[in-house]
Every structure is written in C-alpha cells, then in structure tokens.
C-alpha cells in the first residue's frame, strides 16, 4: 500500500510517499503517522482517488 507520511520518522520525512506492506500501513495510519496515498480500491470495486500526486 502506498502511504504519505504526516510526521517525521526514522526512515522517512514529512510528505514522503512510500510503498509499505498493508500491515505496516495500517499501523502507521491508525497511529496518525501516515495516510493512504494514490488510487485505492473502494468496496464496490471502483477506484477512489484519495490524493493527487502532483510532486512527481
């Protein structure tokens, strides 16, 4: 899962986007350290764009 960091971490700066395992992503999202980034699949099978990647 792609995530965008909201806080400084030992391996990432604020606003860094990284691909991590779903397990790691869920922990970081629940603790408020990161949020989902990019296209995510919604339960009905359509794509939901949670955030535009304008930095790349």
PDB file of N, CA and C in Angstrom:
ATOM      1  N   UNK A   1       0.852  -1.173   0.000  1.00  0.00           N
ATOM      2  CA  UNK A   1       0.000   0.000   0.000  1.00  0.00           C
ATOM      3  C   UNK A   1       0.898   1.236   0.000  1.00  0.00           C
ATOM      4  N   UNK A   2       0.493   2.231  -0.771  1.00  0.00           N
ATOM      5  CA  UNK A   2       1.240   3.500  -0.791  1.00  0.00           C
ATOM      6  C   UNK A   2       0.701   4.406   0.302  1.00  0.00           C
ATOM      7  N   UNK A   3       1.622   5.010   1.036  1.00  0.00           N
ATOM      8  CA  UNK A   3       1.244   5.927   2.107  1.00  0.00           C
ATOM      9  C   UNK A   3       2.041   7.218   1.977  1.00  0.00           C
ATOM     10  N   UNK A   4       1.484   8.267   2.551  1.00  0.00           N
ATOM     11  CA  UNK A   4       2.168   9.555   2.626  1.00  0.00           C
ATOM     12  C   UNK A   4       2.386   9.851   4.098  1.00  0.00           C
ATOM     13  N   UNK A   5       3.619  10.102   4.476  1.00  0.00           N
ATOM     14  CA  UNK A   5       3.962  10.361   5.877  1.00  0.00           C
ATOM     15  C   UNK A   5       3.514  11.750   6.292  1.00  0.00           C
ATOM     16  N   UNK A   6       2.909  11.837   7.463  1.00  0.00           N
ATOM     17  CA  UNK A   6       2.449  13.105   8.032  1.00  0.00           C
ATOM     18  C   UNK A   6       3.377  13.591   9.130  1.00  0.00           C
ATOM     19  N   UNK A   7       4.257  12.702   9.610  1.00  0.00           N
ATOM     20  CA  UNK A   7       5.201  13.030  10.673  1.00  0.00           C
ATOM     21  C   UNK A   7       6.591  12.530  10.290  1.00  0.00           C
ATOM     22  N   UNK A   8       7.596  13.145  10.876  1.00  0.00           N
ATOM     23  CA  UNK A   8       8.981  12.711  10.698  1.00  0.00           C
ATOM     24  C   UNK A   8       9.173  11.354  11.352  1.00  0.00           C
ATOM     25  N   UNK A   9       9.803  10.430  10.641  1.00  0.00           N
ATOM     26  CA  UNK A   9      10.106   9.098  11.171  1.00  0.00           C
ATOM     27  C   UNK A   9      11.581   8.807  10.943  1.00  0.00           C
ATOM     28  N   UNK A  10      12.058   7.706  11.515  1.00  0.00           N
ATOM     29  CA  UNK A  10      13.482   7.380  11.380  1.00  0.00           C
ATOM     30  C   UNK A  10      13.887   7.069   9.938  1.00  0.00           C
ATOM     31  N   UNK A  11      12.930   6.650   9.107  1.00  0.00           N
ATOM     32  CA  UNK A  11      13.250   6.286   7.732  1.00  0.00           C
ATOM     33  C   UNK A  11      12.487   7.103   6.692  1.00  0.00           C
ATOM     34  N   UNK A  12      11.803   8.170   7.128  1.00  0.00           N
ATOM     35  CA  UNK A  12      11.022   8.979   6.194  1.00  0.00           C
ATOM     36  C   UNK A  12      10.835  10.400   6.738  1.00  0.00           C
ATOM     37  N   UNK A  13      10.750  11.339   5.814  1.00  0.00           N
ATOM     38  CA  UNK A  13      10.478  12.730   6.160  1.00  0.00           C
ATOM     39  C   UNK A  13       8.999  13.027   5.942  1.00  0.00           C
ATOM     40  N   UNK A  14       8.530  14.153   6.465  1.00  0.00           N
ATOM     41  CA  UNK A  14       7.154  14.583   6.253  1.00  0.00           C
ATOM     42  C   UNK A  14       6.920  14.730   4.747  1.00  0.00           C
ATOM     43  N   UNK A  15       5.778  14.240   4.279  1.00  0.00           N
ATOM     44  CA  UNK A  15       5.340  14.274   2.877  1.00  0.00           C
ATOM     45  C   UNK A  15       6.026  13.252   1.982  1.00  0.00           C
ATOM     46  N   UNK A  16       6.896  12.407   2.506  1.00  0.00           N
ATOM     47  CA  UNK A  16       7.454  11.321   1.703  1.00  0.00           C
ATOM     48  C   UNK A  16       6.346  10.326   1.373  1.00  0.00           C
ATOM     49  N   UNK A  17       6.415   9.749   0.188  1.00  0.00           N
ATOM     50  CA  UNK A  17       5.466   8.716  -0.230  1.00  0.00           C
ATOM     51  C   UNK A  17       6.255   7.427  -0.405  1.00  0.00           C
ATOM     52  N   UNK A  18       5.786   6.361   0.264  1.00  0.00           N
ATOM     53  CA  UNK A  18       6.481   5.079   0.191  1.00  0.00           C
ATOM     54  C   UNK A  18       5.486   3.944   0.034  1.00  0.00           C
ATOM     55  N   UNK A  19       5.957   2.861  -0.547  1.00  0.00           N
ATOM     56  CA  UNK A  19       5.191   1.627  -0.648  1.00  0.00           C
ATOM     57  C   UNK A  19       5.605   0.748   0.530  1.00  0.00           C
ATOM     58  N   UNK A  20       4.633   0.376   1.355  1.00  0.00           N
ATOM     59  CA  UNK A  20       4.890  -0.477   2.512  1.00  0.00           C
ATOM     60  C   UNK A  20       3.870  -1.603   2.515  1.00  0.00           C
ATOM     61  N   UNK A  21       4.094  -2.596   3.354  1.00  0.00           N
ATOM     62  CA  UNK A  21       3.124  -3.691   3.446  1.00  0.00           C
ATOM     63  C   UNK A  21       1.820  -3.168   4.040  1.00  0.00           C
ATOM     64  N   UNK A  22       0.731  -3.867   3.772  1.00  0.00           N
ATOM     65  CA  UNK A  22      -0.568  -3.465   4.318  1.00  0.00           C
ATOM     66  C   UNK A  22      -0.526  -3.433   5.845  1.00  0.00           C
ATOM     67  N   UNK A  23       0.165  -4.383   6.452  1.00  0.00           N
ATOM     68  CA  UNK A  23       0.278  -4.445   7.909  1.00  0.00           C
ATOM     69  C   UNK A  23       0.938  -3.175   8.448  1.00  0.00           C
ATOM     70  N   UNK A  24       2.081  -2.810   7.851  1.00  0.00           N
ATOM     71  CA  UNK A  24       2.790  -1.597   8.289  1.00  0.00           C
ATOM     72  C   UNK A  24       1.945  -0.350   8.048  1.00  0.00           C
ATOM     73  N   UNK A  25       1.311  -0.279   6.895  1.00  0.00           N
ATOM     74  CA  UNK A  25       0.489   0.878   6.558  1.00  0.00           C
ATOM     75  C   UNK A  25      -0.649   1.057   7.557  1.00  0.00           C
ATOM     76  N   UNK A  26      -1.320  -0.027   7.901  1.00  0.00           N
ATOM     77  CA  UNK A  26      -2.445   0.063   8.839  1.00  0.00           C
ATOM     78  C   UNK A  26      -2.000   0.581  10.201  1.00  0.00           C
ATOM     79  N   UNK A  27      -0.837   0.146  10.661  1.00  0.00           N
ATOM     80  CA  UNK A  27      -0.316   0.633  11.944  1.00  0.00           C
ATOM     81  C   UNK A  27       0.002   2.123  11.858  1.00  0.00           C
ATOM     82  N   UNK A  28       0.675   2.534  10.789  1.00  0.00           N
ATOM     83  CA  UNK A  28       1.052   3.937  10.637  1.00  0.00           C
ATOM     84  C   UNK A  28      -0.173   4.831  10.476  1.00  0.00           C
ATOM     85  N   UNK A  29      -1.189   4.363   9.777  1.00  0.00           N
ATOM     86  CA  UNK A  29      -2.413   5.141   9.592  1.00  0.00           C
ATOM     87  C   UNK A  29      -3.174   5.259  10.907  1.00  0.00           C
ATOM     88  N   UNK A  30      -3.300   4.149  11.642  1.00  0.00           N
ATOM     89  CA  UNK A  30      -4.037   4.177  12.911  1.00  0.00           C
ATOM     90  C   UNK A  30      -3.353   5.039  13.961  1.00  0.00           C
ATOM     91  N   UNK A  31      -2.035   5.155  13.903  1.00  0.00           N
ATOM     92  CA  UNK A  31      -1.317   5.974  14.879  1.00  0.00           C
ATOM     93  C   UNK A  31      -1.200   7.436  14.431  1.00  0.00           C
ATOM     94  N   UNK A  32      -1.706   7.746  13.240  1.00  0.00           N
ATOM     95  CA  UNK A  32      -1.689   9.122  12.759  1.00  0.00           C
ATOM     96  C   UNK A  32      -0.379   9.561  12.145  1.00  0.00           C
ATOM     97  N   UNK A  33       0.492   8.628  11.860  1.00  0.00           N
ATOM     98  CA  UNK A  33       1.798   8.945  11.292  1.00  0.00           C
ATOM     99  C   UNK A  33       1.707   9.125   9.780  1.00  0.00           C
ATOM    100  N   UNK A  34       0.751   8.436   9.142  1.00  0.00           N
ATOM    101  CA  UNK A  34       0.644   8.466   7.688  1.00  0.00           C
ATOM    102  C   UNK A  34      -0.812   8.360   7.267  1.00  0.00           C
ATOM    103  N   UNK A  35      -1.033   8.579   5.957  1.00  0.00           N
ATOM    104  CA  UNK A  35      -2.364   8.377   5.391  1.00  0.00           C
ATOM    105  C   UNK A  35      -2.205   7.667   4.049  1.00  0.00           C
ATOM    106  N   UNK A  36      -3.281   7.053   3.584  1.00  0.00           N
ATOM    107  CA  UNK A  36      -3.253   6.372   2.292  1.00  0.00           C
ATOM    108  C   UNK A  36      -2.948   7.381   1.208  1.00  0.00           C
ATOM    109  N   UNK A  37      -2.272   6.913   0.164  1.00  0.00           N
ATOM    110  CA  UNK A  37      -1.886   7.796  -0.923  1.00  0.00           C
ATOM    111  C   UNK A  37      -2.169   7.133  -2.263  1.00  0.00           C
ATOM    112  N   UNK A  38      -2.680   7.898  -3.204  1.00  0.00           N
ATOM    113  CA  UNK A  38      -2.894   7.402  -4.551  1.00  0.00           C
ATOM    114  C   UNK A  38      -4.241   6.756  -4.732  1.00  0.00           C
ATOM    115  N   UNK A  39      -4.334   5.958  -5.793  1.00  0.00           N
ATOM    116  CA  UNK A  39      -5.593   5.296  -6.114  1.00  0.00           C
ATOM    117  C   UNK A  39      -5.811   4.118  -5.188  1.00  0.00           C
ATOM    118  N   UNK A  40      -6.961   4.089  -4.558  1.00  0.00           N
ATOM    119  CA  UNK A  40      -7.313   2.995  -3.661  1.00  0.00           C
ATOM    120  C   UNK A  40      -8.607   2.374  -4.162  1.00  0.00           C
ATOM    121  N   UNK A  41      -8.736   1.101  -4.044  1.00  0.00           N
ATOM    122  CA  UNK A  41      -9.943   0.406  -4.450  1.00  0.00           C
ATOM    123  C   UNK A  41     -11.012   0.555  -3.377  1.00  0.00           C
ATOM    124  N   UNK A  42     -12.191   0.967  -3.763  1.00  0.00           N
ATOM    125  CA  UNK A  42     -13.287   1.070  -2.803  1.00  0.00           C
ATOM    126  C   UNK A  42     -14.032  -0.263  -2.748  1.00  0.00           C
ATOM    127  N   UNK A  43     -14.861  -0.480  -1.737  1.00  0.00           N
ATOM    128  CA  UNK A  43     -15.555  -1.769  -1.594  1.00  0.00           C
ATOM    129  C   UNK A  43     -16.422  -2.156  -2.786  1.00  0.00           C
ATOM    130  N   UNK A  44     -16.938  -1.186  -3.538  1.00  0.00           N
ATOM    131  CA  UNK A  44     -17.800  -1.524  -4.678  1.00  0.00           C
ATOM    132  C   UNK A  44     -17.004  -1.850  -5.944  1.00  0.00           C
ATOM    133  N   UNK A  45     -15.666  -1.862  -5.850  1.00  0.00           N
ATOM    134  CA  UNK A  45     -14.829  -2.259  -6.976  1.00  0.00           C
ATOM    135  C   UNK A  45     -14.375  -1.116  -7.858  1.00  0.00           C
ATOM    136  N   UNK A  46     -14.848   0.098  -7.615  1.00  0.00           N
ATOM    137  CA  UNK A  46     -14.403   1.235  -8.394  1.00  0.00           C
ATOM    138  C   UNK A  46     -13.162   1.838  -7.752  1.00  0.00           C
ATOM    139  N   UNK A  47     -12.442   2.614  -8.510  1.00  0.00           N
ATOM    140  CA  UNK A  47     -11.252   3.253  -7.969  1.00  0.00           C
ATOM    141  C   UNK A  47     -11.621   4.578  -7.335  1.00  0.00           C
ATOM    142  N   UNK A  48     -11.057   4.830  -6.179  1.00  0.00           N
ATOM    143  CA  UNK A  48     -11.276   6.075  -5.452  1.00  0.00           C
ATOM    144  C   UNK A  48      -9.950   6.793  -5.353  1.00  0.00           C
ATOM    145  N   UNK A  49      -9.835   7.961  -5.936  1.00  0.00           N
ATOM    146  CA  UNK A  49      -8.582   8.714  -5.883  1.00  0.00           C
ATOM    147  C   UNK A  49      -8.562   9.507  -4.594  1.00  0.00           C
ATOM    148  N   UNK A  50      -7.726   9.093  -3.636  1.00  0.00           N
ATOM    149  CA  UNK A  50      -7.696   9.749  -2.334  1.00  0.00           C
ATOM    150  C   UNK A  50      -6.845  11.007  -2.345  1.00  0.00           C
ATOM    151  N   UNK A  51      -5.835  11.042  -3.202  1.00  0.00           N
ATOM    152  CA  UNK A  51      -4.991  12.240  -3.267  1.00  0.00           C
ATOM    153  C   UNK A  51      -4.240  12.242  -4.578  1.00  0.00           C
ATOM    154  N   UNK A  52      -4.124  13.410  -5.170  1.00  0.00           N
ATOM    155  CA  UNK A  52      -3.355  13.565  -6.396  1.00  0.00           C
ATOM    156  C   UNK A  52      -1.872  13.609  -6.081  1.00  0.00           C
ATOM    157  N   UNK A  53      -1.074  12.977  -6.879  1.00  0.00           N
ATOM    158  CA  UNK A  53       0.365  13.030  -6.703  1.00  0.00           C
ATOM    159  C   UNK A  53       0.910  14.093  -7.649  1.00  0.00           C
ATOM    160  N   UNK A  54       1.042  15.321  -7.182  1.00  0.00           N
ATOM    161  CA  UNK A  54       1.481  16.425  -8.029  1.00  0.00           C
ATOM    162  C   UNK A  54       2.965  16.692  -7.921  1.00  0.00           C
ATOM    163  N   UNK A  55       3.657  15.971  -7.040  1.00  0.00           N
ATOM    164  CA  UNK A  55       5.084  16.223  -6.829  1.00  0.00           C
ATOM    165  C   UNK A  55       5.962  15.464  -7.790  1.00  0.00           C
ATOM    166  N   UNK A  56       5.458  14.442  -8.446  1.00  0.00           N
ATOM    167  CA  UNK A  56       6.284  13.633  -9.338  1.00  0.00           C
ATOM    168  C   UNK A  56       6.219  14.147 -10.752  1.00  0.00           C
TER     169      UNK A  56
END
